[in-house]
Amino acid sequence: SCKVFYAKDPLKIVRAQGQYMFDEKGEKYLDCINNVAHVGHSHPYVIKAATKQMELLNTNSRFLHDNLVQYAQRLTATLPEKLSVCYFVNSGSEANDLALRLARQYHGHQDVITLE
């Protein structure tokens, strides 16, 4: 049920740097699909921060940890009072699922309209 984006001529991406991805032949592609718009692939600051965190603890947000609370406090301090709750999820799919469940709970409706 999951289709390949490039079914007729599939890409074999082997590395990425900044906003670009590279195939096995070294061909460069501008990445307009993945979630790299803010810092790009292989950003040294992100790699350093991720490495530091993984050396300490490498798990998801199902367990309690002070860093989650501190991050939520720092984030909500920059937002209006109405946006004072954080939900930590693993992916865009999980975020969409949660948003849909929250909307259904709040409004009591089950209908959804989507655009393709």
N, C-alpha and C. Protein backbone atom coordinates (compact mmCIF):
# COMPACT_ATOMS: atom_id res chain seq x y z
N SER A 1 0.81 -1.20 0.00
CA SER A 1 0.00 0.00 0.00
C SER A 1 0.86 1.26 0.00
N CYS A 2 2.15 1.11 0.10
CA CYS A 2 3.04 2.26 0.11
C CYS A 2 3.76 2.35 -1.23
N LYS A 3 3.54 3.43 -1.95
CA LYS A 3 4.16 3.54 -3.27
C LYS A 3 5.53 4.23 -3.20
N VAL A 4 6.38 3.89 -4.10
CA VAL A 4 7.70 4.51 -4.22
C VAL A 4 7.52 5.82 -4.97
N PHE A 5 8.17 6.87 -4.51
CA PHE A 5 8.02 8.18 -5.15
C PHE A 5 8.48 8.17 -6.61
N TYR A 6 9.53 7.41 -6.90
CA TYR A 6 10.09 7.39 -8.24
C TYR A 6 10.05 5.96 -8.77
N ALA A 7 8.86 5.42 -8.99
CA ALA A 7 8.69 4.01 -9.36
C ALA A 7 9.39 3.66 -10.67
N LYS A 8 9.38 4.56 -11.66
CA LYS A 8 9.96 4.25 -12.97
C LYS A 8 11.47 4.38 -12.98
N ASP A 9 11.99 5.27 -12.18
CA ASP A 9 13.43 5.49 -12.12
C ASP A 9 13.83 5.78 -10.67
N PRO A 10 13.83 4.75 -9.81
CA PRO A 10 14.06 4.99 -8.38
C PRO A 10 15.44 5.55 -8.08
N LEU A 11 15.50 6.39 -7.05
CA LEU A 11 16.76 6.97 -6.59
C LEU A 11 17.32 6.12 -5.46
N LYS A 12 18.61 5.93 -5.48
CA LYS A 12 19.28 5.27 -4.36
C LYS A 12 20.15 6.34 -3.71
N ILE A 13 19.60 6.96 -2.66
CA ILE A 13 20.29 8.03 -1.95
C ILE A 13 21.24 7.41 -0.94
N VAL A 14 22.51 7.84 -0.95
CA VAL A 14 23.50 7.23 -0.07
C VAL A 14 24.06 8.20 0.98
N ARG A 15 23.88 9.51 0.77
CA ARG A 15 24.34 10.49 1.76
C ARG A 15 23.65 11.81 1.52
N ALA A 16 23.80 12.72 2.51
CA ALA A 16 23.19 14.04 2.38
C ALA A 16 24.05 15.05 3.14
N GLN A 17 24.01 16.29 2.67
CA GLN A 17 24.75 17.39 3.29
C GLN A 17 23.98 18.67 3.03
N GLY A 18 23.70 19.42 4.10
CA GLY A 18 22.95 20.66 3.93
C GLY A 18 21.58 20.39 3.34
N GLN A 19 21.25 21.07 2.29
CA GLN A 19 19.95 20.90 1.64
C GLN A 19 19.97 19.88 0.51
N TYR A 20 21.09 19.21 0.32
CA TYR A 20 21.24 18.30 -0.81
C TYR A 20 21.35 16.84 -0.37
N MET A 21 20.87 15.96 -1.24
CA MET A 21 21.05 14.53 -1.09
C MET A 21 21.80 14.04 -2.32
N PHE A 22 22.58 12.97 -2.15
CA PHE A 22 23.41 12.46 -3.24
C PHE A 22 23.11 10.99 -3.48
N ASP A 23 23.03 10.63 -4.75
CA ASP A 23 22.77 9.23 -5.07
C ASP A 23 24.09 8.47 -5.17
N GLU A 24 23.98 7.19 -5.49
CA GLU A 24 25.15 6.30 -5.53
C GLU A 24 26.16 6.70 -6.61
N LYS A 25 25.74 7.51 -7.58
CA LYS A 25 26.63 7.96 -8.64
C LYS A 25 27.19 9.34 -8.37
N GLY A 26 26.84 9.93 -7.22
CA GLY A 26 27.33 11.26 -6.87
C GLY A 26 26.46 12.39 -7.38
N GLU A 27 25.34 12.08 -8.02
CA GLU A 27 24.41 13.10 -8.52
C GLU A 27 23.76 13.82 -7.34
N LYS A 28 23.70 15.15 -7.43
CA LYS A 28 23.18 15.98 -6.34
C LYS A 28 21.72 16.32 -6.59
N TYR A 29 20.88 16.20 -5.52
CA TYR A 29 19.46 16.52 -5.60
C TYR A 29 19.10 17.48 -4.47
N LEU A 30 18.32 18.50 -4.78
CA LEU A 30 17.81 19.41 -3.76
C LEU A 30 16.71 18.68 -2.99
N ASP A 31 16.85 18.60 -1.67
CA ASP A 31 15.89 17.86 -0.85
C ASP A 31 14.71 18.78 -0.51
N CYS A 32 13.59 18.52 -1.15
CA CYS A 32 12.37 19.28 -0.90
C CYS A 32 11.32 18.44 -0.19
N ILE A 33 11.69 17.26 0.27
CA ILE A 33 10.73 16.33 0.86
C ILE A 33 10.96 16.12 2.35
N ASN A 34 12.18 15.87 2.75
CA ASN A 34 12.46 15.52 4.13
C ASN A 34 12.39 16.73 5.05
N ASN A 35 12.45 16.47 6.33
CA ASN A 35 12.30 17.53 7.33
C ASN A 35 13.64 18.18 7.65
N VAL A 36 14.25 18.81 6.65
CA VAL A 36 15.57 19.41 6.85
C VAL A 36 15.58 20.91 6.61
N ALA A 37 14.40 21.49 6.46
CA ALA A 37 14.34 22.90 6.06
C ALA A 37 15.02 23.84 7.04
N HIS A 38 15.07 23.49 8.31
CA HIS A 38 15.61 24.41 9.31
C HIS A 38 17.14 24.43 9.35
N VAL A 39 17.75 23.27 9.37
CA VAL A 39 19.21 23.23 9.50
C VAL A 39 19.90 22.38 8.45
N GLY A 40 19.17 21.60 7.70
CA GLY A 40 19.77 20.76 6.67
C GLY A 40 20.30 19.46 7.23
N HIS A 41 20.80 18.63 6.33
CA HIS A 41 21.40 17.35 6.69
C HIS A 41 22.80 17.58 7.23
N SER A 42 23.19 16.76 8.17
CA SER A 42 24.58 16.71 8.68
C SER A 42 25.07 18.04 9.23
N HIS A 43 24.19 18.81 9.85
CA HIS A 43 24.60 20.09 10.44
C HIS A 43 25.49 19.81 11.65
N PRO A 44 26.68 20.40 11.72
CA PRO A 44 27.63 20.08 12.78
C PRO A 44 27.08 20.33 14.19
N TYR A 45 26.31 21.39 14.39
CA TYR A 45 25.75 21.68 15.71
C TYR A 45 24.76 20.59 16.12
N VAL A 46 23.91 20.18 15.17
CA VAL A 46 22.92 19.14 15.46
C VAL A 46 23.60 17.81 15.74
N ILE A 47 24.61 17.49 14.95
CA ILE A 47 25.36 16.24 15.16
C ILE A 47 26.02 16.24 16.54
N LYS A 48 26.62 17.35 16.92
CA LYS A 48 27.27 17.45 18.23
C LYS A 48 26.25 17.29 19.36
N ALA A 49 25.12 18.00 19.25
CA ALA A 49 24.09 17.92 20.29
C ALA A 49 23.49 16.52 20.36
N ALA A 50 23.22 15.91 19.21
CA ALA A 50 22.64 14.57 19.18
C ALA A 50 23.61 13.55 19.76
N THR A 51 24.88 13.66 19.40
CA THR A 51 25.89 12.75 19.92
C THR A 51 26.01 12.86 21.44
N LYS A 52 26.02 14.10 21.93
CA LYS A 52 26.11 14.33 23.37
C LYS A 52 24.92 13.69 24.09
N GLN A 53 23.72 13.87 23.52
CA GLN A 53 22.53 13.29 24.14
C GLN A 53 22.55 11.77 24.06
N MET A 54 22.93 11.21 22.93
CA MET A 54 22.93 9.76 22.78
C MET A 54 23.98 9.10 23.66
N GLU A 55 25.05 9.82 23.98
CA GLU A 55 26.04 9.28 24.91
C GLU A 55 25.47 9.19 26.32
N LEU A 56 24.50 10.05 26.63
CA LEU A 56 23.88 10.07 27.95
C LEU A 56 22.65 9.18 28.03
N LEU A 57 21.73 9.36 27.07
CA LEU A 57 20.47 8.63 27.08
C LEU A 57 19.90 8.64 25.68
N ASN A 58 19.53 7.48 25.18
CA ASN A 58 18.95 7.36 23.85
C ASN A 58 17.64 6.60 23.95
N THR A 59 16.56 7.33 24.20
CA THR A 59 15.24 6.72 24.31
C THR A 59 14.21 7.73 23.81
N ASN A 60 12.97 7.32 23.76
CA ASN A 60 11.94 8.26 23.32
C ASN A 60 11.29 8.93 24.53
N SER A 61 10.23 9.68 24.30
CA SER A 61 9.65 10.50 25.37
C SER A 61 8.61 9.78 26.22
N ARG A 62 8.55 8.45 26.17
CA ARG A 62 7.57 7.75 27.01
C ARG A 62 8.03 7.70 28.46
N PHE A 63 9.31 7.96 28.72
CA PHE A 63 9.82 7.96 30.08
C PHE A 63 10.01 9.39 30.56
N LEU A 64 9.87 9.60 31.87
CA LEU A 64 10.07 10.93 32.44
C LEU A 64 11.54 11.32 32.39
N HIS A 65 11.78 12.58 32.10
CA HIS A 65 13.15 13.10 32.10
C HIS A 65 13.07 14.61 32.24
N ASP A 66 13.95 15.18 33.06
CA ASP A 66 13.92 16.62 33.31
C ASP A 66 14.08 17.45 32.03
N ASN A 67 14.86 16.96 31.07
CA ASN A 67 15.07 17.72 29.84
C ASN A 67 13.77 17.97 29.09
N LEU A 68 12.83 17.01 29.12
CA LEU A 68 11.55 17.20 28.46
C LEU A 68 10.78 18.36 29.09
N VAL A 69 10.77 18.40 30.41
CA VAL A 69 10.07 19.47 31.11
C VAL A 69 10.74 20.81 30.84
N GLN A 70 12.07 20.85 30.92
CA GLN A 70 12.80 22.09 30.68
C GLN A 70 12.58 22.60 29.26
N TYR A 71 12.60 21.69 28.30
CA TYR A 71 12.36 22.10 26.91
C TYR A 71 10.95 22.64 26.74
N ALA A 72 9.97 21.96 27.31
CA ALA A 72 8.58 22.43 27.22
C ALA A 72 8.43 23.81 27.85
N GLN A 73 9.07 24.04 28.97
CA GLN A 73 9.01 25.35 29.62
C GLN A 73 9.65 26.43 28.76
N ARG A 74 10.81 26.14 28.19
CA ARG A 74 11.48 27.11 27.33
C ARG A 74 10.65 27.41 26.08
N LEU A 75 10.05 26.36 25.50
CA LEU A 75 9.26 26.52 24.30
C LEU A 75 7.99 27.33 24.59
N THR A 76 7.24 26.95 25.62
CA THR A 76 5.98 27.64 25.90
C THR A 76 6.20 29.07 26.38
N ALA A 77 7.37 29.38 26.91
CA ALA A 77 7.67 30.75 27.32
C ALA A 77 7.72 31.70 26.13
N THR A 78 7.90 31.16 24.94
CA THR A 78 7.96 32.00 23.74
C THR A 78 6.61 32.13 23.05
N LEU A 79 5.58 31.46 23.58
CA LEU A 79 4.28 31.38 22.92
C LEU A 79 3.20 32.09 23.73
N PRO A 80 2.08 32.43 23.10
CA PRO A 80 0.96 33.01 23.84
C PRO A 80 0.44 32.03 24.90
N GLU A 81 -0.23 32.57 25.93
CA GLU A 81 -0.73 31.77 27.05
C GLU A 81 -1.61 30.60 26.59
N LYS A 82 -2.40 30.80 25.54
CA LYS A 82 -3.29 29.74 25.05
C LYS A 82 -2.51 28.53 24.54
N LEU A 83 -1.26 28.74 24.19
CA LEU A 83 -0.42 27.64 23.69
C LEU A 83 0.57 27.22 24.78
N SER A 84 0.04 26.81 25.91
CA SER A 84 0.90 26.51 27.06
C SER A 84 1.05 25.01 27.34
N VAL A 85 0.60 24.17 26.41
CA VAL A 85 0.71 22.72 26.60
C VAL A 85 1.54 22.15 25.45
N CYS A 86 2.44 21.23 25.79
CA CYS A 86 3.26 20.56 24.77
C CYS A 86 2.92 19.08 24.74
N TYR A 87 2.85 18.56 23.54
CA TYR A 87 2.72 17.12 23.32
C TYR A 87 3.95 16.69 22.53
N PHE A 88 4.72 15.78 23.06
CA PHE A 88 5.90 15.29 22.37
C PHE A 88 5.54 14.01 21.63
N VAL A 89 5.79 14.01 20.34
CA VAL A 89 5.50 12.84 19.51
C VAL A 89 6.74 12.49 18.70
N ASN A 90 6.70 11.35 18.06
CA ASN A 90 7.85 10.80 17.36
C ASN A 90 7.95 11.25 15.91
N SER A 91 6.83 11.62 15.30
CA SER A 91 6.86 11.89 13.87
C SER A 91 5.71 12.80 13.47
N GLY A 92 5.74 13.25 12.23
CA GLY A 92 4.64 14.03 11.69
C GLY A 92 3.35 13.23 11.66
N SER A 93 3.46 11.95 11.38
CA SER A 93 2.27 11.09 11.37
C SER A 93 1.63 11.02 12.75
N GLU A 94 2.46 10.85 13.78
CA GLU A 94 1.93 10.83 15.13
C GLU A 94 1.33 12.18 15.51
N ALA A 95 1.95 13.27 15.07
CA ALA A 95 1.43 14.61 15.36
C ALA A 95 0.07 14.80 14.70
N ASN A 96 -0.06 14.36 13.46
CA ASN A 96 -1.35 14.46 12.76
C ASN A 96 -2.41 13.61 13.45
N ASP A 97 -2.04 12.41 13.84
CA ASP A 97 -2.98 11.53 14.53
C ASP A 97 -3.45 12.16 15.84
N LEU A 98 -2.53 12.70 16.61
CA LEU A 98 -2.88 13.35 17.87
C LEU A 98 -3.77 14.56 17.64
N ALA A 99 -3.44 15.39 16.66
CA ALA A 99 -4.25 16.56 16.36
C ALA A 99 -5.68 16.16 15.99
N LEU A 100 -5.81 15.12 15.21
CA LEU A 100 -7.14 14.64 14.82
C LEU A 100 -7.91 14.13 16.03
N ARG A 101 -7.25 13.35 16.89
CA ARG A 101 -7.93 12.84 18.09
C ARG A 101 -8.33 13.97 19.03
N LEU A 102 -7.46 14.98 19.19
CA LEU A 102 -7.80 16.12 20.04
C LEU A 102 -8.98 16.91 19.48
N ALA A 103 -8.99 17.13 18.18
CA ALA A 103 -10.09 17.86 17.55
C ALA A 103 -11.40 17.10 17.69
N ARG A 104 -11.35 15.80 17.49
CA ARG A 104 -12.56 14.98 17.64
C ARG A 104 -13.07 15.01 19.08
N GLN A 105 -12.17 14.93 20.04
CA GLN A 105 -12.56 14.98 21.44
C GLN A 105 -13.17 16.34 21.79
N TYR A 106 -12.57 17.39 21.31
CA TYR A 106 -13.02 18.75 21.64
C TYR A 106 -14.39 19.05 21.02
N HIS A 107 -14.55 18.72 19.75
CA HIS A 107 -15.78 19.07 19.03
C HIS A 107 -16.85 17.98 19.08
N GLY A 108 -16.44 16.74 19.33
CA GLY A 108 -17.40 15.65 19.35
C GLY A 108 -17.82 15.16 17.97
N HIS A 109 -17.15 15.62 16.94
CA HIS A 109 -17.47 15.20 15.57
C HIS A 109 -16.43 14.19 15.09
N GLN A 110 -16.85 13.30 14.18
CA GLN A 110 -15.94 12.29 13.65
C GLN A 110 -15.55 12.57 12.20
N ASP A 111 -16.25 13.48 11.53
CA ASP A 111 -16.01 13.74 10.10
C ASP A 111 -14.71 14.53 9.90
N VAL A 112 -14.03 14.22 8.79
CA VAL A 112 -12.78 14.89 8.46
C VAL A 112 -12.80 15.19 6.96
N ILE A 113 -12.32 16.37 6.61
CA ILE A 113 -12.14 16.73 5.19
C ILE A 113 -10.64 16.93 4.97
N THR A 114 -10.12 16.28 3.95
CA THR A 114 -8.70 16.45 3.63
C THR A 114 -8.55 16.85 2.18
N LEU A 115 -7.42 17.47 1.88
CA LEU A 115 -7.09 17.84 0.51
C LEU A 115 -5.88 17.04 0.08
N GLU A 116 -5.86 16.62 -1.17
CA GLU A 116 -4.72 15.88 -1.69
C GLU A 116 -3.86 16.82 -2.51
